[in-house]
Amino acid sequence: MKASIFLSVKDLMLLNGSDNYNSTSKSHRAIRDSICSGKQKLTIKEYCTYEKLDFKDIWKFLRGGLPPY
């Protein structure tokens, strides 16, 4: 996984333990829309703020440093 500040749908699938791309894509879009209508990308930091998660833990997990919750 490449290091990016943006949270992709596949990253969100990994975080949620989901294997359904369409459902996760809808969740990704809903989070983006709730932050700012029409927003095209979602940063990891925005996601962590929205879900009230620790940014450092999520960053490490997405980069392969922590086991899943």
PDB file of N, CA and C in Angstrom:
ATOM      1  N   MET A   1       0.845  -1.172   0.000  1.00  0.00           N
ATOM      2  CA  MET A   1       0.000   0.000   0.000  1.00  0.00           C
ATOM      3  C   MET A   1       0.887   1.231   0.000  1.00  0.00           C
ATOM      4  N   LYS A   2       0.628   2.141  -0.928  1.00  0.00           N
ATOM      5  CA  LYS A   2       1.442   3.342  -0.981  1.00  0.00           C
ATOM      6  C   LYS A   2       1.006   4.329   0.092  1.00  0.00           C
ATOM      7  N   ALA A   3       1.941   5.121   0.536  1.00  0.00           N
ATOM      8  CA  ALA A   3       1.654   6.110   1.575  1.00  0.00           C
ATOM      9  C   ALA A   3       0.970   7.311   0.931  1.00  0.00           C
ATOM     10  N   SER A   4      -0.227   7.585   1.360  1.00  0.00           N
ATOM     11  CA  SER A   4      -0.994   8.713   0.853  1.00  0.00           C
ATOM     12  C   SER A   4      -1.759   9.322   2.019  1.00  0.00           C
ATOM     13  N   ILE A   5      -2.048  10.600   1.906  1.00  0.00           N
ATOM     14  CA  ILE A   5      -2.830  11.229   2.970  1.00  0.00           C
ATOM     15  C   ILE A   5      -4.321  10.964   2.785  1.00  0.00           C
ATOM     16  N   PHE A   6      -4.694  10.457   1.618  1.00  0.00           N
ATOM     17  CA  PHE A   6      -6.102  10.220   1.332  1.00  0.00           C
ATOM     18  C   PHE A   6      -6.513   8.797   1.679  1.00  0.00           C
ATOM     19  N   LEU A   7      -7.729   8.669   2.166  1.00  0.00           N
ATOM     20  CA  LEU A   7      -8.291   7.373   2.526  1.00  0.00           C
ATOM     21  C   LEU A   7      -9.101   6.861   1.338  1.00  0.00           C
ATOM     22  N   SER A   8      -8.659   5.777   0.754  1.00  0.00           N
ATOM     23  CA  SER A   8      -9.371   5.199  -0.385  1.00  0.00           C
ATOM     24  C   SER A   8     -10.491   4.291   0.116  1.00  0.00           C
ATOM     25  N   VAL A   9     -11.348   3.905  -0.796  1.00  0.00           N
ATOM     26  CA  VAL A   9     -12.422   2.970  -0.456  1.00  0.00           C
ATOM     27  C   VAL A   9     -11.814   1.640   0.010  1.00  0.00           C
ATOM     28  N   LYS A  10     -10.742   1.217  -0.639  1.00  0.00           N
ATOM     29  CA  LYS A  10     -10.087  -0.033  -0.242  1.00  0.00           C
ATOM     30  C   LYS A  10      -9.481   0.076   1.159  1.00  0.00           C
ATOM     31  N   ASP A  11      -8.944   1.253   1.513  1.00  0.00           N
ATOM     32  CA  ASP A  11      -8.446   1.464   2.877  1.00  0.00           C
ATOM     33  C   ASP A  11      -9.592   1.345   3.870  1.00  0.00           C
ATOM     34  N   LEU A  12     -10.735   1.946   3.527  1.00  0.00           N
ATOM     35  CA  LEU A  12     -11.899   1.895   4.412  1.00  0.00           C
ATOM     36  C   LEU A  12     -12.412   0.467   4.541  1.00  0.00           C
ATOM     37  N   MET A  13     -12.351  -0.297   3.463  1.00  0.00           N
ATOM     38  CA  MET A  13     -12.736  -1.705   3.521  1.00  0.00           C
ATOM     39  C   MET A  13     -11.841  -2.454   4.500  1.00  0.00           C
ATOM     40  N   LEU A  14     -10.552  -2.168   4.463  1.00  0.00           N
ATOM     41  CA  LEU A  14      -9.599  -2.798   5.367  1.00  0.00           C
ATOM     42  C   LEU A  14      -9.892  -2.426   6.820  1.00  0.00           C
ATOM     43  N   LEU A  15     -10.167  -1.156   7.059  1.00  0.00           N
ATOM     44  CA  LEU A  15     -10.460  -0.690   8.422  1.00  0.00           C
ATOM     45  C   LEU A  15     -11.741  -1.302   8.972  1.00  0.00           C
ATOM     46  N   ASN A  16     -12.743  -1.449   8.118  1.00  0.00           N
ATOM     47  CA  ASN A  16     -14.038  -1.963   8.562  1.00  0.00           C
ATOM     48  C   ASN A  16     -14.145  -3.479   8.478  1.00  0.00           C
ATOM     49  N   GLY A  17     -13.150  -4.114   7.887  1.00  0.00           N
ATOM     50  CA  GLY A  17     -13.208  -5.563   7.723  1.00  0.00           C
ATOM     51  C   GLY A  17     -14.283  -5.979   6.735  1.00  0.00           C
ATOM     52  N   SER A  18     -14.539  -5.132   5.765  1.00  0.00           N
ATOM     53  CA  SER A  18     -15.595  -5.382   4.789  1.00  0.00           C
ATOM     54  C   SER A  18     -15.008  -5.943   3.496  1.00  0.00           C
ATOM     55  N   ASP A  19     -15.825  -6.725   2.778  1.00  0.00           N
ATOM     56  CA  ASP A  19     -15.404  -7.197   1.467  1.00  0.00           C
ATOM     57  C   ASP A  19     -16.371  -6.727   0.376  1.00  0.00           C
ATOM     58  N   ASN A  20     -17.266  -5.818   0.731  1.00  0.00           N
ATOM     59  CA  ASN A  20     -18.251  -5.302  -0.210  1.00  0.00           C
ATOM     60  C   ASN A  20     -17.850  -3.889  -0.641  1.00  0.00           C
ATOM     61  N   TYR A  21     -17.317  -3.785  -1.859  1.00  0.00           N
ATOM     62  CA  TYR A  21     -16.818  -2.501  -2.360  1.00  0.00           C
ATOM     63  C   TYR A  21     -17.941  -1.467  -2.478  1.00  0.00           C
ATOM     64  N   ASN A  22     -19.096  -1.881  -3.021  1.00  0.00           N
ATOM     65  CA  ASN A  22     -20.189  -0.929  -3.238  1.00  0.00           C
ATOM     66  C   ASN A  22     -20.711  -0.336  -1.937  1.00  0.00           C
ATOM     67  N   SER A  23     -20.893  -1.167  -0.938  1.00  0.00           N
ATOM     68  CA  SER A  23     -21.385  -0.695   0.354  1.00  0.00           C
ATOM     69  C   SER A  23     -20.376   0.254   1.007  1.00  0.00           C
ATOM     70  N   THR A  24     -19.113  -0.112   0.946  1.00  0.00           N
ATOM     71  CA  THR A  24     -18.076   0.719   1.541  1.00  0.00           C
ATOM     72  C   THR A  24     -17.936   2.026   0.780  1.00  0.00           C
ATOM     73  N   SER A  25     -18.106   1.974  -0.534  1.00  0.00           N
ATOM     74  CA  SER A  25     -18.050   3.185  -1.347  1.00  0.00           C
ATOM     75  C   SER A  25     -19.157   4.161  -0.941  1.00  0.00           C
ATOM     76  N   LYS A  26     -20.340   3.635  -0.655  1.00  0.00           N
ATOM     77  CA  LYS A  26     -21.443   4.486  -0.199  1.00  0.00           C
ATOM     78  C   LYS A  26     -21.125   5.116   1.151  1.00  0.00           C
ATOM     79  N   SER A  27     -20.504   4.353   2.042  1.00  0.00           N
ATOM     80  CA  SER A  27     -20.106   4.889   3.348  1.00  0.00           C
ATOM     81  C   SER A  27     -19.055   5.980   3.181  1.00  0.00           C
ATOM     82  N   HIS A  28     -18.101   5.727   2.302  1.00  0.00           N
ATOM     83  CA  HIS A  28     -17.033   6.695   2.018  1.00  0.00           C
ATOM     84  C   HIS A  28     -17.646   8.000   1.511  1.00  0.00           C
ATOM     85  N   ARG A  29     -18.592   7.882   0.579  1.00  0.00           N
ATOM     86  CA  ARG A  29     -19.266   9.056   0.022  1.00  0.00           C
ATOM     87  C   ARG A  29     -20.085   9.782   1.089  1.00  0.00           C
ATOM     88  N   ALA A  30     -20.755   9.037   1.952  1.00  0.00           N
ATOM     89  CA  ALA A  30     -21.564   9.652   3.009  1.00  0.00           C
ATOM     90  C   ALA A  30     -20.694  10.444   3.977  1.00  0.00           C
ATOM     91  N   ILE A  31     -19.535   9.908   4.315  1.00  0.00           N
ATOM     92  CA  ILE A  31     -18.624  10.624   5.209  1.00  0.00           C
ATOM     93  C   ILE A  31     -18.132  11.899   4.525  1.00  0.00           C
ATOM     94  N   ARG A  32     -17.735  11.790   3.253  1.00  0.00           N
ATOM     95  CA  ARG A  32     -17.275  12.978   2.509  1.00  0.00           C
ATOM     96  C   ARG A  32     -18.367  14.035   2.449  1.00  0.00           C
ATOM     97  N   ASP A  33     -19.593  13.603   2.168  1.00  0.00           N
ATOM     98  CA  ASP A  33     -20.701  14.549   2.057  1.00  0.00           C
ATOM     99  C   ASP A  33     -21.040  15.203   3.394  1.00  0.00           C
ATOM    100  N   SER A  34     -20.889  14.473   4.487  1.00  0.00           N
ATOM    101  CA  SER A  34     -21.199  15.052   5.789  1.00  0.00           C
ATOM    102  C   SER A  34     -20.129  16.066   6.214  1.00  0.00           C
ATOM    103  N   ILE A  35     -18.909  15.860   5.737  1.00  0.00           N
ATOM    104  CA  ILE A  35     -17.839  16.811   6.053  1.00  0.00           C
ATOM    105  C   ILE A  35     -17.987  18.068   5.202  1.00  0.00           C
ATOM    106  N   CYS A  36     -18.184  17.875   3.899  1.00  0.00           N
ATOM    107  CA  CYS A  36     -18.335  18.997   2.974  1.00  0.00           C
ATOM    108  C   CYS A  36     -18.996  18.478   1.710  1.00  0.00           C
ATOM    109  N   SER A  37     -20.163  18.957   1.412  1.00  0.00           N
ATOM    110  CA  SER A  37     -20.906  18.483   0.252  1.00  0.00           C
ATOM    111  C   SER A  37     -20.100  18.659  -1.034  1.00  0.00           C
ATOM    112  N   GLY A  38     -20.048  17.600  -1.825  1.00  0.00           N
ATOM    113  CA  GLY A  38     -19.347  17.649  -3.096  1.00  0.00           C
ATOM    114  C   GLY A  38     -17.862  17.371  -3.012  1.00  0.00           C
ATOM    115  N   LYS A  39     -17.378  17.080  -1.830  1.00  0.00           N
ATOM    116  CA  LYS A  39     -15.957  16.802  -1.648  1.00  0.00           C
ATOM    117  C   LYS A  39     -15.606  15.508  -2.376  1.00  0.00           C
ATOM    118  N   GLN A  40     -14.494  15.513  -3.117  1.00  0.00           N
ATOM    119  CA  GLN A  40     -14.113  14.357  -3.927  1.00  0.00           C
ATOM    120  C   GLN A  40     -13.185  13.389  -3.215  1.00  0.00           C
ATOM    121  N   LYS A  41     -12.390  13.883  -2.260  1.00  0.00           N
ATOM    122  CA  LYS A  41     -11.433  13.026  -1.567  1.00  0.00           C
ATOM    123  C   LYS A  41     -11.599  13.168  -0.061  1.00  0.00           C
ATOM    124  N   LEU A  42     -11.190  12.138   0.642  1.00  0.00           N
ATOM    125  CA  LEU A  42     -11.282  12.093   2.103  1.00  0.00           C
ATOM    126  C   LEU A  42      -9.892  11.806   2.649  1.00  0.00           C
ATOM    127  N   THR A  43      -9.406  12.666   3.538  1.00  0.00           N
ATOM    128  CA  THR A  43      -8.102  12.410   4.124  1.00  0.00           C
ATOM    129  C   THR A  43      -8.252  11.471   5.312  1.00  0.00           C
ATOM    130  N   ILE A  44      -7.161  10.836   5.654  1.00  0.00           N
ATOM    131  CA  ILE A  44      -7.168   9.939   6.810  1.00  0.00           C
ATOM    132  C   ILE A  44      -7.486  10.732   8.071  1.00  0.00           C
ATOM    133  N   LYS A  45      -6.940  11.933   8.171  1.00  0.00           N
ATOM    134  CA  LYS A  45      -7.177  12.774   9.344  1.00  0.00           C
ATOM    135  C   LYS A  45      -8.660  13.155   9.459  1.00  0.00           C
ATOM    136  N   GLU A  46      -9.294  13.506   8.345  1.00  0.00           N
ATOM    137  CA  GLU A  46     -10.724  13.838   8.357  1.00  0.00           C
ATOM    138  C   GLU A  46     -11.548  12.642   8.803  1.00  0.00           C
ATOM    139  N   TYR A  47     -11.194  11.457   8.301  1.00  0.00           N
ATOM    140  CA  TYR A  47     -11.900  10.245   8.690  1.00  0.00           C
ATOM    141  C   TYR A  47     -11.755   9.997  10.191  1.00  0.00           C
ATOM    142  N   CYS A  48     -10.546  10.140  10.704  1.00  0.00           N
ATOM    143  CA  CYS A  48     -10.299   9.915  12.133  1.00  0.00           C
ATOM    144  C   CYS A  48     -11.077  10.908  12.988  1.00  0.00           C
ATOM    145  N   THR A  49     -11.126  12.148  12.558  1.00  0.00           N
ATOM    146  CA  THR A  49     -11.900  13.164  13.280  1.00  0.00           C
ATOM    147  C   THR A  49     -13.382  12.820  13.253  1.00  0.00           C
ATOM    148  N   TYR A  50     -13.877  12.424  12.093  1.00  0.00           N
ATOM    149  CA  TYR A  50     -15.292  12.076  11.927  1.00  0.00           C
ATOM    150  C   TYR A  50     -15.676  10.888  12.808  1.00  0.00           C
ATOM    151  N   GLU A  51     -14.835   9.858  12.816  1.00  0.00           N
ATOM    152  CA  GLU A  51     -15.123   8.638  13.574  1.00  0.00           C
ATOM    153  C   GLU A  51     -14.587   8.665  15.008  1.00  0.00           C
ATOM    154  N   LYS A  52     -13.914   9.761  15.369  1.00  0.00           N
ATOM    155  CA  LYS A  52     -13.325   9.919  16.705  1.00  0.00           C
ATOM    156  C   LYS A  52     -12.325   8.787  17.007  1.00  0.00           C
ATOM    157  N   LEU A  53     -11.405   8.583  16.060  1.00  0.00           N
ATOM    158  CA  LEU A  53     -10.370   7.571  16.186  1.00  0.00           C
ATOM    159  C   LEU A  53      -9.009   8.251  16.303  1.00  0.00           C
ATOM    160  N   ASP A  54      -8.044   7.529  16.873  1.00  0.00           N
ATOM    161  CA  ASP A  54      -6.699   8.063  17.011  1.00  0.00           C
ATOM    162  C   ASP A  54      -5.980   8.003  15.662  1.00  0.00           C
ATOM    163  N   PHE A  55      -5.575   9.157  15.174  1.00  0.00           N
ATOM    164  CA  PHE A  55      -4.936   9.259  13.861  1.00  0.00           C
ATOM    165  C   PHE A  55      -3.678   8.402  13.769  1.00  0.00           C
ATOM    166  N   LYS A  56      -2.832   8.447  14.786  1.00  0.00           N
ATOM    167  CA  LYS A  56      -1.573   7.704  14.749  1.00  0.00           C
ATOM    168  C   LYS A  56      -1.811   6.204  14.641  1.00  0.00           C
ATOM    169  N   ASP A  57      -2.784   5.694  15.373  1.00  0.00           N
ATOM    170  CA  ASP A  57      -3.094   4.262  15.307  1.00  0.00           C
ATOM    171  C   ASP A  57      -3.610   3.860  13.924  1.00  0.00           C
ATOM    172  N   ILE A  58      -4.490   4.665  13.371  1.00  0.00           N
ATOM    173  CA  ILE A  58      -5.054   4.366  12.049  1.00  0.00           C
ATOM    174  C   ILE A  58      -3.968   4.456  10.982  1.00  0.00           C
ATOM    175  N   TRP A  59      -3.117   5.476  11.077  1.00  0.00           N
ATOM    176  CA  TRP A  59      -2.026   5.631  10.111  1.00  0.00           C
ATOM    177  C   TRP A  59      -1.115   4.404  10.143  1.00  0.00           C
ATOM    178  N   LYS A  60      -0.731   3.975  11.339  1.00  0.00           N
ATOM    179  CA  LYS A  60       0.144   2.810  11.473  1.00  0.00           C
ATOM    180  C   LYS A  60      -0.539   1.554  10.934  1.00  0.00           C
ATOM    181  N   PHE A  61      -1.809   1.391  11.247  1.00  0.00           N
ATOM    182  CA  PHE A  61      -2.542   0.223  10.764  1.00  0.00           C
ATOM    183  C   PHE A  61      -2.580   0.180   9.236  1.00  0.00           C
ATOM    184  N   LEU A  62      -2.879   1.296   8.627  1.00  0.00           N
ATOM    185  CA  LEU A  62      -2.979   1.346   7.172  1.00  0.00           C
ATOM    186  C   LEU A  62      -1.622   1.141   6.499  1.00  0.00           C
ATOM    187  N   ARG A  63      -0.572   1.466   7.197  1.00  0.00           N
ATOM    188  CA  ARG A  63       0.778   1.297   6.649  1.00  0.00           C
ATOM    189  C   ARG A  63       1.408  -0.012   7.082  1.00  0.00           C
ATOM    190  N   GLY A  64       0.614  -0.894   7.717  1.00  0.00           N
ATOM    191  CA  GLY A  64       1.077  -2.225   8.053  1.00  0.00           C
ATOM    192  C   GLY A  64       1.773  -2.357   9.382  1.00  0.00           C
ATOM    193  N   GLY A  65       1.636  -1.368  10.259  1.00  0.00           N
ATOM    194  CA  GLY A  65       2.355  -1.394  11.524  1.00  0.00           C
ATOM    195  C   GLY A  65       1.599  -1.988  12.699  1.00  0.00           C
ATOM    196  N   LEU A  66       0.297  -2.132  12.594  1.00  0.00           N
ATOM    197  CA  LEU A  66      -0.511  -2.645  13.703  1.00  0.00           C
ATOM    198  C   LEU A  66      -1.457  -3.749  13.218  1.00  0.00           C
ATOM    199  N   PRO A  67      -1.771  -4.692  14.069  1.00  0.00           N
ATOM    200  CA  PRO A  67      -2.794  -5.673  13.687  1.00  0.00           C
ATOM    201  C   PRO A  67      -4.176  -5.027  13.683  1.00  0.00           C
ATOM    202  N   PRO A  68      -5.119  -5.613  12.974  1.00  0.00           N
ATOM    203  CA  PRO A  68      -6.485  -5.047  12.957  1.00  0.00           C
ATOM    204  C   PRO A  68      -7.097  -5.054  14.357  1.00  0.00           C
ATOM    205  N   TYR A  69      -8.025  -4.150  14.585  1.00  0.00           N
ATOM    206  CA  TYR A  69      -8.693  -4.032  15.895  1.00  0.00           C
ATOM    207  C   TYR A  69      -9.541  -5.245  16.150  1.00  0.00           C
TER     208      TYR A  69
END
